[in-house]
């Protein structure tokens, strides 16, 4: 049984909202290059790909602070130093996105949803200036009617403001909406908005299995949402439903052998 069949029996969601980094695209290689360039210009040692992979997901300012701290906890980083480093990082990241790729199954899933008439939106903590050009470069920008960046609204995920805004613009209730992401911030934002959340196991969750956050569903390929798209009999198994902390049943989709249990409007964009 596909993800949509499990979460929306007999129908499809009318609105699907997606996170970007770690959900639709793997942008860490380019982010790591920008972080390391920033650190080198500041006379520090580069952080490397794997460290940056654990630090992303909460927006550029937090990523920069974590890089300066050398870890997730950035509470001791000087605000003035962080502000200057952020300027260096933003310039470095704007120069190239050549290492960023779209995850397998993403284009197929977006195309299928578009053909079904499902409205789609993108809600990311990435600064807005980078989002639309990157989507166009990846050739997936045309699928999203609404794009909300990390600085589009005063709040960013895990605050649910962006989800509420998009649902209001679409005139679609939470009960007929879905959020797809890969991190704790995504799951928390969806839960706060009253929206079911599907989480991707391959994304960026600071090194922690995303299943620990109790989303409604965990999958390892976006195509597993689509009825009949993948051979689920050979590709996945369904364990017993487990109870989330609030008492709601969740389903974790795994591989054949058990997989490692794993944003007031400032402005908005209409895209055809």
C-alpha atoms as a PDB file:
ATOM      1  CA  UNK A   1       0.000   0.000   0.000  1.00  0.00           C
ATOM      2  CA  UNK A   2       1.358   3.403  -1.004  1.00  0.00           C
ATOM      3  CA  UNK A   3       1.896   6.308   1.369  1.00  0.00           C
ATOM      4  CA  UNK A   4      -1.080   8.257   0.006  1.00  0.00           C
ATOM      5  CA  UNK A   5      -3.331   5.207   0.358  1.00  0.00           C
ATOM      6  CA  UNK A   6      -2.297   4.840   3.985  1.00  0.00           C
ATOM      7  CA  UNK A   7      -2.654   8.500   4.955  1.00  0.00           C
ATOM      8  CA  UNK A   8      -5.588   9.567   2.739  1.00  0.00           C
ATOM      9  CA  UNK A   9      -7.732   6.470   2.141  1.00  0.00           C
ATOM     10  CA  UNK A  10      -9.887   6.769  -0.987  1.00  0.00           C
ATOM     11  CA  UNK A  11      -8.544  10.190  -1.960  1.00  0.00           C
ATOM     12  CA  UNK A  12      -5.437  12.312  -2.435  1.00  0.00           C
ATOM     13  CA  UNK A  13      -4.366  15.340  -0.419  1.00  0.00           C
ATOM     14  CA  UNK A  14      -5.402  18.560  -2.191  1.00  0.00           C
ATOM     15  CA  UNK A  15      -2.206  20.319  -1.111  1.00  0.00           C
ATOM     16  CA  UNK A  16       1.283  18.929  -0.634  1.00  0.00           C
ATOM     17  CA  UNK A  17       3.924  21.189   0.903  1.00  0.00           C
ATOM     18  CA  UNK A  18       7.582  20.207   0.580  1.00  0.00           C
ATOM     19  CA  UNK A  19      10.783  21.045   2.375  1.00  0.00           C
ATOM     20  CA  UNK A  20      13.745  21.502   0.022  1.00  0.00           C
ATOM     21  CA  UNK A  21      17.196  20.602   1.321  1.00  0.00           C
ATOM     22  CA  UNK A  22      17.424  16.970   2.347  1.00  0.00           C
ATOM     23  CA  UNK A  23      13.947  16.267   0.952  1.00  0.00           C
ATOM     24  CA  UNK A  24      13.995  17.179  -2.741  1.00  0.00           C
ATOM     25  CA  UNK A  25      17.658  18.033  -3.262  1.00  0.00           C
ATOM     26  CA  UNK A  26      21.006  17.110  -1.759  1.00  0.00           C
ATOM     27  CA  UNK A  27      22.613  20.545  -1.359  1.00  0.00           C
ATOM     28  CA  UNK A  28      25.130  19.689   1.344  1.00  0.00           C
ATOM     29  CA  UNK A  29      28.138  19.403  -1.000  1.00  0.00           C
ATOM     30  CA  UNK A  30      27.701  23.035  -2.140  1.00  0.00           C
ATOM     31  CA  UNK A  31      26.873  24.195   1.382  1.00  0.00           C
ATOM     32  CA  UNK A  32      30.004  22.483   2.686  1.00  0.00           C
ATOM     33  CA  UNK A  33      32.158  24.208   0.068  1.00  0.00           C
ATOM     34  CA  UNK A  34      30.700  27.589   1.093  1.00  0.00           C
ATOM     35  CA  UNK A  35      31.177  26.855   4.793  1.00  0.00           C
ATOM     36  CA  UNK A  36      34.765  25.779   4.292  1.00  0.00           C
ATOM     37  CA  UNK A  37      35.524  28.846   2.159  1.00  0.00           C
ATOM     38  CA  UNK A  38      34.088  31.007   4.935  1.00  0.00           C
ATOM     39  CA  UNK A  39      36.138  29.285   7.617  1.00  0.00           C
ATOM     40  CA  UNK A  40      39.340  29.521   5.587  1.00  0.00           C
ATOM     41  CA  UNK A  41      38.814  33.250   5.043  1.00  0.00           C
ATOM     42  CA  UNK A  42      38.448  33.583   8.799  1.00  0.00           C
ATOM     43  CA  UNK A  43      41.732  31.740   9.361  1.00  0.00           C
ATOM     44  CA  UNK A  44      40.054  28.563  10.633  1.00  0.00           C
ATOM     45  CA  UNK A  45      40.252  24.934   9.640  1.00  0.00           C
ATOM     46  CA  UNK A  46      37.616  23.680   7.162  1.00  0.00           C
ATOM     47  CA  UNK A  47      34.748  21.660   8.614  1.00  0.00           C
ATOM     48  CA  UNK A  48      34.264  19.095   5.876  1.00  0.00           C
ATOM     49  CA  UNK A  49      31.229  17.507   4.267  1.00  0.00           C
ATOM     50  CA  UNK A  50      30.110  15.157   7.023  1.00  0.00           C
ATOM     51  CA  UNK A  51      30.144  17.819   9.737  1.00  0.00           C
ATOM     52  CA  UNK A  52      28.147  20.239   7.584  1.00  0.00           C
ATOM     53  CA  UNK A  53      25.639  17.473   6.832  1.00  0.00           C
ATOM     54  CA  UNK A  54      24.864  17.282  10.555  1.00  0.00           C
ATOM     55  CA  UNK A  55      24.576  21.076  10.948  1.00  0.00           C
ATOM     56  CA  UNK A  56      22.125  22.021   8.159  1.00  0.00           C
ATOM     57  CA  UNK A  57      18.342  22.324   8.417  1.00  0.00           C
ATOM     58  CA  UNK A  58      17.726  25.422  10.541  1.00  0.00           C
ATOM     59  CA  UNK A  59      18.671  28.167   8.077  1.00  0.00           C
ATOM     60  CA  UNK A  60      21.910  29.864   7.031  1.00  0.00           C
ATOM     61  CA  UNK A  61      22.454  31.923  10.221  1.00  0.00           C
ATOM     62  CA  UNK A  62      22.319  28.817  12.398  1.00  0.00           C
ATOM     63  CA  UNK A  63      24.520  26.837  10.002  1.00  0.00           C
ATOM     64  CA  UNK A  64      27.162  29.576  10.144  1.00  0.00           C
ATOM     65  CA  UNK A  65      27.050  29.707  13.934  1.00  0.00           C
ATOM     66  CA  UNK A  66      27.418  25.947  14.158  1.00  0.00           C
ATOM     67  CA  UNK A  67      30.398  26.094  11.808  1.00  0.00           C
ATOM     68  CA  UNK A  68      32.021  28.739  14.004  1.00  0.00           C
ATOM     69  CA  UNK A  69      31.324  26.635  17.099  1.00  0.00           C
ATOM     70  CA  UNK A  70      32.425  23.407  15.461  1.00  0.00           C
ATOM     71  CA  UNK A  71      29.239  21.645  16.581  1.00  0.00           C
ATOM     72  CA  UNK A  72      25.472  21.762  17.028  1.00  0.00           C
ATOM     73  CA  UNK A  73      25.639  23.889  20.192  1.00  0.00           C
ATOM     74  CA  UNK A  74      26.490  27.435  19.093  1.00  0.00           C
ATOM     75  CA  UNK A  75      25.436  29.309  22.234  1.00  0.00           C
ATOM     76  CA  UNK A  76      28.941  30.654  22.918  1.00  0.00           C
ATOM     77  CA  UNK A  77      29.460  32.160  19.439  1.00  0.00           C
ATOM     78  CA  UNK A  78      29.823  35.955  19.437  1.00  0.00           C
ATOM     79  CA  UNK A  79      26.918  37.640  17.605  1.00  0.00           C
ATOM     80  CA  UNK A  80      29.149  40.156  15.840  1.00  0.00           C
ATOM     81  CA  UNK A  81      31.496  37.444  14.636  1.00  0.00           C
ATOM     82  CA  UNK A  82      28.539  35.386  13.409  1.00  0.00           C
ATOM     83  CA  UNK A  83      27.096  38.330  11.472  1.00  0.00           C
ATOM     84  CA  UNK A  84      30.354  38.943   9.648  1.00  0.00           C
ATOM     85  CA  UNK A  85      30.814  35.249   8.922  1.00  0.00           C
ATOM     86  CA  UNK A  86      27.260  35.021   7.557  1.00  0.00           C
ATOM     87  CA  UNK A  87      28.058  37.712   4.966  1.00  0.00           C
ATOM     88  CA  UNK A  88      31.096  35.714   3.833  1.00  0.00           C
ATOM     89  CA  UNK A  89      29.090  32.491   3.683  1.00  0.00           C
ATOM     90  CA  UNK A  90      26.221  34.054   1.690  1.00  0.00           C
ATOM     91  CA  UNK A  91      28.651  35.395  -0.878  1.00  0.00           C
ATOM     92  CA  UNK A  92      30.450  32.077  -1.156  1.00  0.00           C
ATOM     93  CA  UNK A  93      27.216  30.078  -1.487  1.00  0.00           C
ATOM     94  CA  UNK A  94      25.845  32.424  -4.170  1.00  0.00           C
ATOM     95  CA  UNK A  95      28.755  31.642  -6.452  1.00  0.00           C
ATOM     96  CA  UNK A  96      27.948  28.045  -7.362  1.00  0.00           C
ATOM     97  CA  UNK A  97      25.423  25.224  -6.956  1.00  0.00           C
ATOM     98  CA  UNK A  98      27.092  22.814  -9.321  1.00  0.00           C
ATOM     99  CA  UNK A  99      27.352  19.993  -6.786  1.00  0.00           C
ATOM    100  CA  UNK A 100      23.646  20.043  -5.821  1.00  0.00           C
ATOM    101  CA  UNK A 101      21.517  17.189  -7.178  1.00  0.00           C
ATOM    102  CA  UNK A 102      17.859  16.129  -7.130  1.00  0.00           C
ATOM    103  CA  UNK A 103      17.163  12.962  -5.178  1.00  0.00           C
ATOM    104  CA  UNK A 104      15.947   9.889  -7.106  1.00  0.00           C
ATOM    105  CA  UNK A 105      12.166   9.763  -7.493  1.00  0.00           C
ATOM    106  CA  UNK A 106      11.579  13.474  -6.868  1.00  0.00           C
ATOM    107  CA  UNK A 107      10.851  14.526 -10.451  1.00  0.00           C
ATOM    108  CA  UNK A 108       8.619  11.495 -11.006  1.00  0.00           C
ATOM    109  CA  UNK A 109       6.599  12.290  -7.889  1.00  0.00           C
ATOM    110  CA  UNK A 110       6.222  16.011  -8.612  1.00  0.00           C
ATOM    111  CA  UNK A 111       5.167  15.272 -12.188  1.00  0.00           C
ATOM    112  CA  UNK A 112       2.603  12.705 -11.005  1.00  0.00           C
ATOM    113  CA  UNK A 113       1.108  15.089  -8.426  1.00  0.00           C
ATOM    114  CA  UNK A 114       0.918  17.840 -11.043  1.00  0.00           C
ATOM    115  CA  UNK A 115      -0.982  15.548 -13.401  1.00  0.00           C
ATOM    116  CA  UNK A 116      -3.418  14.688 -10.597  1.00  0.00           C
ATOM    117  CA  UNK A 117      -4.165  18.396 -10.050  1.00  0.00           C
ATOM    118  CA  UNK A 118      -2.661  18.458  -6.565  1.00  0.00           C
ATOM    119  CA  UNK A 119      -1.507  21.929  -5.488  1.00  0.00           C
ATOM    120  CA  UNK A 120       2.137  22.093  -4.404  1.00  0.00           C
ATOM    121  CA  UNK A 121       4.179  24.525  -2.329  1.00  0.00           C
ATOM    122  CA  UNK A 122       7.778  24.748  -1.160  1.00  0.00           C
ATOM    123  CA  UNK A 123       8.571  25.755   2.422  1.00  0.00           C
ATOM    124  CA  UNK A 124      12.259  25.923   3.261  1.00  0.00           C
ATOM    125  CA  UNK A 125      14.553  27.599   5.776  1.00  0.00           C
ATOM    126  CA  UNK A 126      17.010  28.389   2.961  1.00  0.00           C
ATOM    127  CA  UNK A 127      17.246  32.175   2.298  1.00  0.00           C
ATOM    128  CA  UNK A 128      14.667  33.149  -0.345  1.00  0.00           C
ATOM    129  CA  UNK A 129      17.223  34.693  -2.711  1.00  0.00           C
ATOM    130  CA  UNK A 130      18.664  31.270  -3.415  1.00  0.00           C
ATOM    131  CA  UNK A 131      15.467  29.240  -3.717  1.00  0.00           C
ATOM    132  CA  UNK A 132      13.805  30.073  -7.057  1.00  0.00           C
ATOM    133  CA  UNK A 133      17.073  30.104  -9.055  1.00  0.00           C
ATOM    134  CA  UNK A 134      18.072  26.784  -7.533  1.00  0.00           C
ATOM    135  CA  UNK A 135      14.676  25.229  -8.289  1.00  0.00           C
ATOM    136  CA  UNK A 136      14.946  26.398 -11.889  1.00  0.00           C
ATOM    137  CA  UNK A 137      18.467  25.027 -12.154  1.00  0.00           C
ATOM    138  CA  UNK A 138      17.187  21.675 -10.902  1.00  0.00           C
ATOM    139  CA  UNK A 139      14.256  21.943 -13.393  1.00  0.00           C
ATOM    140  CA  UNK A 140      11.570  21.482 -10.735  1.00  0.00           C
ATOM    141  CA  UNK A 141      10.528  25.104 -10.087  1.00  0.00           C
ATOM    142  CA  UNK A 142       7.453  24.989 -12.340  1.00  0.00           C
ATOM    143  CA  UNK A 143       5.673  22.572 -10.043  1.00  0.00           C
ATOM    144  CA  UNK A 144       5.368  24.971  -7.085  1.00  0.00           C
ATOM    145  CA  UNK A 145       2.630  27.608  -6.895  1.00  0.00           C
ATOM    146  CA  UNK A 146       3.925  29.031  -3.620  1.00  0.00           C
ATOM    147  CA  UNK A 147       7.533  29.386  -2.470  1.00  0.00           C
ATOM    148  CA  UNK A 148       8.356  30.373   1.097  1.00  0.00           C
ATOM    149  CA  UNK A 149      12.010  30.893   2.028  1.00  0.00           C
ATOM    150  CA  UNK A 150      13.602  31.132   5.425  1.00  0.00           C
ATOM    151  CA  UNK A 151      13.372  34.938   5.376  1.00  0.00           C
ATOM    152  CA  UNK A 152      10.076  35.328   3.491  1.00  0.00           C
ATOM    153  CA  UNK A 153       8.145  35.472   6.752  1.00  0.00           C
ATOM    154  CA  UNK A 154       9.263  36.707  10.165  1.00  0.00           C
ATOM    155  CA  UNK A 155       9.166  33.089  11.367  1.00  0.00           C
ATOM    156  CA  UNK A 156      10.800  29.976  10.007  1.00  0.00           C
ATOM    157  CA  UNK A 157      10.304  26.282  10.729  1.00  0.00           C
ATOM    158  CA  UNK A 158       9.733  24.747  13.243  1.00  0.00           C
ATOM    159  CA  UNK A 159       7.243  27.628  13.583  1.00  0.00           C
ATOM    160  CA  UNK A 160       4.120  26.631  11.572  1.00  0.00           C
ATOM    161  CA  UNK A 161       3.480  30.171  10.189  1.00  0.00           C
ATOM    162  CA  UNK A 162       4.521  29.286   6.632  1.00  0.00           C
ATOM    163  CA  UNK A 163       2.270  26.221   6.560  1.00  0.00           C
ATOM    164  CA  UNK A 164      -0.703  28.245   7.833  1.00  0.00           C
ATOM    165  CA  UNK A 165       0.027  30.938   5.230  1.00  0.00           C
ATOM    166  CA  UNK A 166       0.141  28.519   2.327  1.00  0.00           C
ATOM    167  CA  UNK A 167      -3.022  26.709   3.415  1.00  0.00           C
ATOM    168  CA  UNK A 168      -4.796  30.078   3.672  1.00  0.00           C
ATOM    169  CA  UNK A 169      -3.627  31.107   0.200  1.00  0.00           C
ATOM    170  CA  UNK A 170      -4.684  27.762  -1.233  1.00  0.00           C
ATOM    171  CA  UNK A 171      -7.972  27.777   0.734  1.00  0.00           C
ATOM    172  CA  UNK A 172      -7.323  24.163   1.679  1.00  0.00           C
ATOM    173  CA  UNK A 173      -7.734  22.898   5.262  1.00  0.00           C
ATOM    174  CA  UNK A 174      -5.099  21.045   7.253  1.00  0.00           C
ATOM    175  CA  UNK A 175      -7.125  17.838   6.978  1.00  0.00           C
ATOM    176  CA  UNK A 176      -6.575  17.821   3.211  1.00  0.00           C
ATOM    177  CA  UNK A 177      -2.962  18.922   3.330  1.00  0.00           C
ATOM    178  CA  UNK A 178       0.351  17.106   3.689  1.00  0.00           C
ATOM    179  CA  UNK A 179       3.856  18.234   4.564  1.00  0.00           C
ATOM    180  CA  UNK A 180       6.897  16.318   3.320  1.00  0.00           C
ATOM    181  CA  UNK A 181      10.261  16.917   4.971  1.00  0.00           C
ATOM    182  CA  UNK A 182      13.296  15.292   6.471  1.00  0.00           C
ATOM    183  CA  UNK A 183      14.051  16.938   9.816  1.00  0.00           C
ATOM    184  CA  UNK A 184      12.791  17.520  13.324  1.00  0.00           C
ATOM    185  CA  UNK A 185      11.927  21.117  12.352  1.00  0.00           C
ATOM    186  CA  UNK A 186       9.716  19.839   9.542  1.00  0.00           C
ATOM    187  CA  UNK A 187       7.865  17.364  11.742  1.00  0.00           C
ATOM    188  CA  UNK A 188       7.355  19.913  14.523  1.00  0.00           C
ATOM    189  CA  UNK A 189       6.049  22.538  12.067  1.00  0.00           C
ATOM    190  CA  UNK A 190       3.603  20.071  10.531  1.00  0.00           C
ATOM    191  CA  UNK A 191       2.328  18.876  13.896  1.00  0.00           C
ATOM    192  CA  UNK A 192       1.870  22.464  15.100  1.00  0.00           C
ATOM    193  CA  UNK A 193      -0.149  23.216  11.956  1.00  0.00           C
ATOM    194  CA  UNK A 194      -2.285  20.088  12.362  1.00  0.00           C
ATOM    195  CA  UNK A 195      -0.954  18.632   9.118  1.00  0.00           C
ATOM    196  CA  UNK A 196       0.132  15.053   8.518  1.00  0.00           C
ATOM    197  CA  UNK A 197       3.859  14.757   7.906  1.00  0.00           C
ATOM    198  CA  UNK A 198       5.796  12.346   5.733  1.00  0.00           C
ATOM    199  CA  UNK A 199       9.520  12.214   6.486  1.00  0.00           C
ATOM    200  CA  UNK A 200      12.368  11.036   4.261  1.00  0.00           C
ATOM    201  CA  UNK A 201      14.909   8.831   5.962  1.00  0.00           C
ATOM    202  CA  UNK A 202      17.811   9.941   3.753  1.00  0.00           C
ATOM    203  CA  UNK A 203      17.756  13.650   4.677  1.00  0.00           C
ATOM    204  CA  UNK A 204      19.382  15.948   7.212  1.00  0.00           C
ATOM    205  CA  UNK A 205      18.318  15.469  10.815  1.00  0.00           C
ATOM    206  CA  UNK A 206      21.542  16.289  12.666  1.00  0.00           C
ATOM    207  CA  UNK A 207      22.600  12.656  12.589  1.00  0.00           C
ATOM    208  CA  UNK A 208      19.446  11.355  14.313  1.00  0.00           C
ATOM    209  CA  UNK A 209      16.920   8.899  12.813  1.00  0.00           C
ATOM    210  CA  UNK A 210      13.872  10.906  11.710  1.00  0.00           C
ATOM    211  CA  UNK A 211      11.530   8.175  12.972  1.00  0.00           C
ATOM    212  CA  UNK A 212      12.367   9.344  16.495  1.00  0.00           C
ATOM    213  CA  UNK A 213      10.285  12.475  15.795  1.00  0.00           C
ATOM    214  CA  UNK A 214       7.156  10.367  15.155  1.00  0.00           C
ATOM    215  CA  UNK A 215       5.995  11.676  11.766  1.00  0.00           C
ATOM    216  CA  UNK A 216       2.909  10.029  10.282  1.00  0.00           C
ATOM    217  CA  UNK A 217       5.047   8.103   7.813  1.00  0.00           C
ATOM    218  CA  UNK A 218       8.727   7.499   7.104  1.00  0.00           C
ATOM    219  CA  UNK A 219       9.841   6.532   3.596  1.00  0.00           C
ATOM    220  CA  UNK A 220      13.165   6.188   1.804  1.00  0.00           C
ATOM    221  CA  UNK A 221      11.974   7.114  -1.721  1.00  0.00           C
ATOM    222  CA  UNK A 222       9.405   9.820  -2.558  1.00  0.00           C
ATOM    223  CA  UNK A 223       7.814   7.532  -5.127  1.00  0.00           C
ATOM    224  CA  UNK A 224       6.552   5.348  -2.298  1.00  0.00           C
ATOM    225  CA  UNK A 225       3.773   7.920  -1.866  1.00  0.00           C
ATOM    226  CA  UNK A 226       2.343   7.053  -5.294  1.00  0.00           C
ATOM    227  CA  UNK A 227      -0.088   4.141  -5.724  1.00  0.00           C
ATOM    228  CA  UNK A 228       1.466   1.408  -7.840  1.00  0.00           C
ATOM    229  CA  UNK A 229       4.645   3.329  -8.606  1.00  0.00           C
ATOM    230  CA  UNK A 230       7.083   0.998  -6.864  1.00  0.00           C
ATOM    231  CA  UNK A 231       6.947  -2.717  -6.266  1.00  0.00           C
ATOM    232  CA  UNK A 232       6.131  -2.410  -2.570  1.00  0.00           C
ATOM    233  CA  UNK A 233       5.950  -6.166  -2.138  1.00  0.00           C
ATOM    234  CA  UNK A 234       9.672  -6.477  -2.760  1.00  0.00           C
ATOM    235  CA  UNK A 235      10.799  -3.008  -1.711  1.00  0.00           C
ATOM    236  CA  UNK A 236       9.346  -2.365   1.735  1.00  0.00           C
ATOM    237  CA  UNK A 237       7.842  -4.009   4.743  1.00  0.00           C
ATOM    238  CA  UNK A 238       5.415  -2.552   7.247  1.00  0.00           C
ATOM    239  CA  UNK A 239       6.019  -3.106  10.947  1.00  0.00           C
ATOM    240  CA  UNK A 240       3.277  -2.861  13.503  1.00  0.00           C
ATOM    241  CA  UNK A 241       2.017   0.681  14.039  1.00  0.00           C
ATOM    242  CA  UNK A 242       3.738   2.357  16.963  1.00  0.00           C
ATOM    243  CA  UNK A 243       2.332   5.036  19.215  1.00  0.00           C
ATOM    244  CA  UNK A 244       3.641   8.601  19.093  1.00  0.00           C
ATOM    245  CA  UNK A 245       3.935  10.534  22.352  1.00  0.00           C
ATOM    246  CA  UNK A 246       0.515  12.144  21.752  1.00  0.00           C
ATOM    247  CA  UNK A 247      -1.088   8.754  21.296  1.00  0.00           C
ATOM    248  CA  UNK A 248      -1.545   8.862  17.516  1.00  0.00           C
ATOM    249  CA  UNK A 249      -0.522   5.815  15.546  1.00  0.00           C
ATOM    250  CA  UNK A 250       2.352   6.250  13.137  1.00  0.00           C
ATOM    251  CA  UNK A 251       3.620   3.970  10.398  1.00  0.00           C
ATOM    252  CA  UNK A 252       7.282   3.531   9.612  1.00  0.00           C
ATOM    253  CA  UNK A 253       8.068   2.328   6.095  1.00  0.00           C
ATOM    254  CA  UNK A 254      11.343   0.455   5.892  1.00  0.00           C
ATOM    255  CA  UNK A 255      13.360  -1.512   3.404  1.00  0.00           C
ATOM    256  CA  UNK A 256      13.118  -5.290   3.154  1.00  0.00           C
ATOM    257  CA  UNK A 257      15.716  -5.627   5.871  1.00  0.00           C
ATOM    258  CA  UNK A 258      14.960  -3.150   8.664  1.00  0.00           C
ATOM    259  CA  UNK A 259      16.364   0.269   7.718  1.00  0.00           C
ATOM    260  CA  UNK A 260      18.205   2.259  10.327  1.00  0.00           C
ATOM    261  CA  UNK A 261      15.414   3.644  12.462  1.00  0.00           C
ATOM    262  CA  UNK A 262      15.546   7.092  11.215  1.00  0.00           C
ATOM    263  CA  UNK A 263       8.547  28.889   8.477  1.00  0.00           C
ATOM    264  CA  UNK A 264       2.523  38.251   9.027  1.00  0.00           C
ATOM    265  CA  UNK A 265       3.767  37.563   5.405  1.00  0.00           C
ATOM    266  CA  UNK A 266       6.776  39.520   4.185  1.00  0.00           C
ATOM    267  CA  UNK A 267       6.176  38.476   0.590  1.00  0.00           C
ATOM    268  CA  UNK A 268       5.098  35.493  -1.421  1.00  0.00           C
ATOM    269  CA  UNK A 269       5.773  34.156  -4.855  1.00  0.00           C
ATOM    270  CA  UNK A 270       3.329  32.833  -7.408  1.00  0.00           C
ATOM    271  CA  UNK A 271       4.850  30.409  -9.857  1.00  0.00           C
ATOM    272  CA  UNK A 272       3.105  28.905 -12.839  1.00  0.00           C
END
